[in-house]
Structure formats: structure tokens, C-alpha cells
Amino acid sequence: MTTDHHRLLPPIPYATLADYLADNGGVALLEARSVEPDVLIDVVEASGLRGRGGAGFPTGLKWRTVAKFESDLLAANVVVNAAEGEPGTVKDRTLLQLNPYAVLEGALIAARAVRANDITIATKASFTDTIRRLHSAIDEIRAAGWLDDPDGTVSIAVVEGPDRYLFGEETAMLEVLDGRQPMPRVAPPYRHGSVEVVTDQVAPASGHDSFEGAADVVMAGTGAGHEAPPTLANNVETLANVPGIIALGPQWFRQIGTADSPGTVLATVTGDVHHPGVCEIPLGLPLEELVALAGGPVRGTRLVGVLGGVSNTFLTDLSTPISYEAMRDAGSGLGSVSFRFVSEEMDPLALAAGVSRFLAVESCGQCTPCKLDGLEIAHALDRLCRNRGTATDVTTVSVRLGTVAEGARCGLGRQHETVVGSILDAFPEAMDQHLRHERAATEPTVIAATAYIDDEGERVDQSIVTAEPAWSGLQTGPANPPAATA
């Protein structure tokens, strides 16, 4: 799919740094290093850029918050989140293949803004093509002197993490960088970042003899003389927007999009459309126009809705604009801008069952309702899909959807409640039809991380079909628990 908007995805991919420089790349970094860090934060804040990783948090405010908790002892860290695992999403990997230099330039500008000396790009070990491209691009910018900031040399490292959905969750990612499993933690990264780099240099909290886990580390901004550094974590696409904002100004960035959702966004389109793939679109474009860009519905069928990864409410109104405010008003969210369009030929219960299984398997198990209630929902929906269910299964789904998010320390439990519940609300007859055998028995739709998209459609990680629930922790518990300091 192609559009006329090429702020992030160049019409001709940048094969080398020289190609990027010939297209005015690097100008923003030079400008950034000629001004004070606070100026950079002001410019990004004025642009209205919001995080492109899922939550849509204002980027400038995030930078300002990290800067506020600056440590007296150690510099902040910048983490580039390149671990996309949302089903139906390949936009970050596409961006890193076609234009890694904008991401790296944006990360270096972010590092200057929060006075960081270290940049870590966290991605999945299975993304081998992306990792090779990153290392090659990093070698190029190092040779070009990009890492030589006036305030000191900046280091960049690529960390290869596990092939798990929760690795992309911000605090779980920091756990991996600290040598643990990707289990979400309570301590916010803007106050309590990646501690692996500080355990040999910062004293443990009062009353502790050693660092036994992240929960024992004094958080930034607390405890005189023992301040640990915060971490700025930004998504790949978020950072790729930064060079244009710094070089051309916030008003340039706002020329496209809406007042509350300025700029372009990378959308991944899958499902029952002719041409699935990734395209760069202006925020505010209606969903139905995105369908047209993707060649329309397959086989002349009628589309009945769209699934936004496994994070947001299922939508049936395809006139909804693709913007933060419009999605919010529709009771949903923009998330990672992945859209799986589904036709009237879809079995909605199979779709709900597939989403439920994915979330139940990928739940880390720290929060008992998220894991156990999630598994109960998934098993009940599986039986109903296969026309082996009973009225008890219908009751189980209804009751457990009301408890699966209780006490959750990350958003996964809420996603289970919201996404599965919204599919069933959109098709209220679905469970009863299978209960009465009025629909043919079927298997749950395979909902999993997207491996790649080609002319024949989306290819997903099929291991989810036989995967066992990850890290239940309900029997053994993690050997090195995640940070729980609030």
C-alpha cells in the first residue's frame, strides 16, 4: 500500500547513511547539539507528538518528566522499544528496515534532551533481519561521528530479548534489561529505570545489605545521596518523528493530522482486504478510507468490524477517524495502529476465542485473576467454538470477564476484559448459536504475533496454537522478582 505521505517511510528506502544525509538527514542532530536540552523538550512538546507504541502518551511531557527526576550521580538512560509483539503489527520492523537512521537520530536527540549517555535498542532475538540492519546502521553513524556529543560520547547497544508479548510492555522490557523475565513491575521507569547499569555504583536502599532485586534499588529523586537514574522509553516510530520536528519545527509537524492528533502514523492493515501491509497515513483518516487504500474487502464481502490488535475495543463503525480523540470517543483506542478488518464470513466466537487464548498464554502470571480467569475464559470459548460447550461455559465467560482484570499491574488483564467482551457485545448471539449448534463447529482463530506480511497476506507465529501458558509463577514464582516499589 502506498500514500502521498512520506515523512517516515521514504518512497525509495535508504540503503546507506549517505542516502539519508542526501535527503537532509542529520540536520536535526546538529541543531539539537547547538541548543540546551530544555529547548528540545519545549519543541517536542509544542509539536503535540504522542507515543506511537500504544498508549499515545504526550512525548514532550514524558521527556520533561524524565528530566525532572534527573539523578545527581548518574545520567539517565534511553531505551528504544523495538520489541513489537502486538498481533497484526509489523510497522516498527518495516520502519527499521527502510529508514533506521531517523530512529537513531531521534534517539540521539532524545538522549541529549534528558542528558542520557546510554541508548539501548531492545528488540526480539527472533527479529534477525532487523538486528542485522540495526547493527549496520549503528556502525555507519558511529563512523560518521554521530555518537560524539559535545557533552561526551554516547553509547548505543542492541539487546536481544525473548519472543514474548509482554517484552514490549515498558516496565517488563526494563526487567529484561536487568536480567530478569519480562514481568511488568509497579515502579515507573521515569523514576526507576534500568538498574543493571547502576547496581555497582549506587548504594542499596537503607536497611538492605545488597541488591537482591529491582525492588531494593532506591528510586530516582528519593534518598539523599542515593539517587538512581530514570529511564526514557520511547517506541521506534515515536523517535523517528523527532528529527523532522527539530529540523522543521512543531508547526510543520502539525500541518498534517488533527489538532489533538497531529502528524502521520504507520498503520498495519491485515484481515479481509485485498492488499494487507504497512502504509503511512495522516491521522484523522477514516477507517473506511484505509480499507480503500488496502484495495477494499476481499471477495466482495461486507466488512462488519475491525480489531485493533488485542488492545482495544472491537469497532463496527468504519466511518470512525483514525485519531486518538475519535477512537476514544468511540470507546476504543488507537494502540499500535494495527487494524484487522473482518468480514461477515468471520465467526465472531472463533475470533474472541483466539484473542482470549493469546492473552491467557502470554499473561505472566504475577496477577492470579489475569492468568487463571484468562485461561478459564479461553478454555470455555474453545469448547463453545467446537460445539462442545455447555450453558456453564457461557456463564464462565460472563463471570470471568468481570474478574480477569482484578489487581492487574499491567494492561493485559484489562485487554482481555475489553477486547473479548467487546467482540461478544458486538455479536451477542454468537455463544448461543454455538451452544445450540446453529453454527458449524470451528477452531479458534489463530491470533498471534505477526511474522511478516507478503502478497499472500499475513503470516503469524503458529507456535501459539500449542504454546503452554507462559511463566505462570503460580507454582514456583520468579527467582528474581520484578520491582514492586511504588
Foldseek 3Di string as FASTA:
>chain_A
DEDPDPLQFDPAFDPAVVSCVVVVPPVLLVLLLVDALVVLLVQQQLLLQFFLAFPRHRQSVLLVLLLVLAAPFAAAEEEAQQAAWFFQDDQLLSSLVRPVRLLVSLSLSSCRNSVHQEYEYEYAPVSVVSVVSVVRRVVRCVVVVSQQRPVGGHYYYYHHDHNFNLCSPQQLVLCVVQPFGSDHAQDDQSFQNNCNVPQVPFDWDPPDPGDLFSQGQDTGPDDPPGHDHGYHYGYSVSSSNSSCCSNPTSVVQQVFADPNFTHWAWAFEAAFAQATGIYIGTFFAFQVVVSVVRHHGPPPFAWQWKDQRLAWFIDRDRRQTQGQVSQVVRRIGCTSNRIHIYGPVDQLLLALLQSLLSLLQSNQQPDPLQNPLSVLLNVLSQCLLQLNHAVVSVVSNVVSLVPSCPPDSDCSSVSNSRHSVNSCVSVVCRSVCSPVVVDHRDGRDNGTGWPDADSVGTDHDPVSVVRGRHNSCPVPHTPHDHHHHD
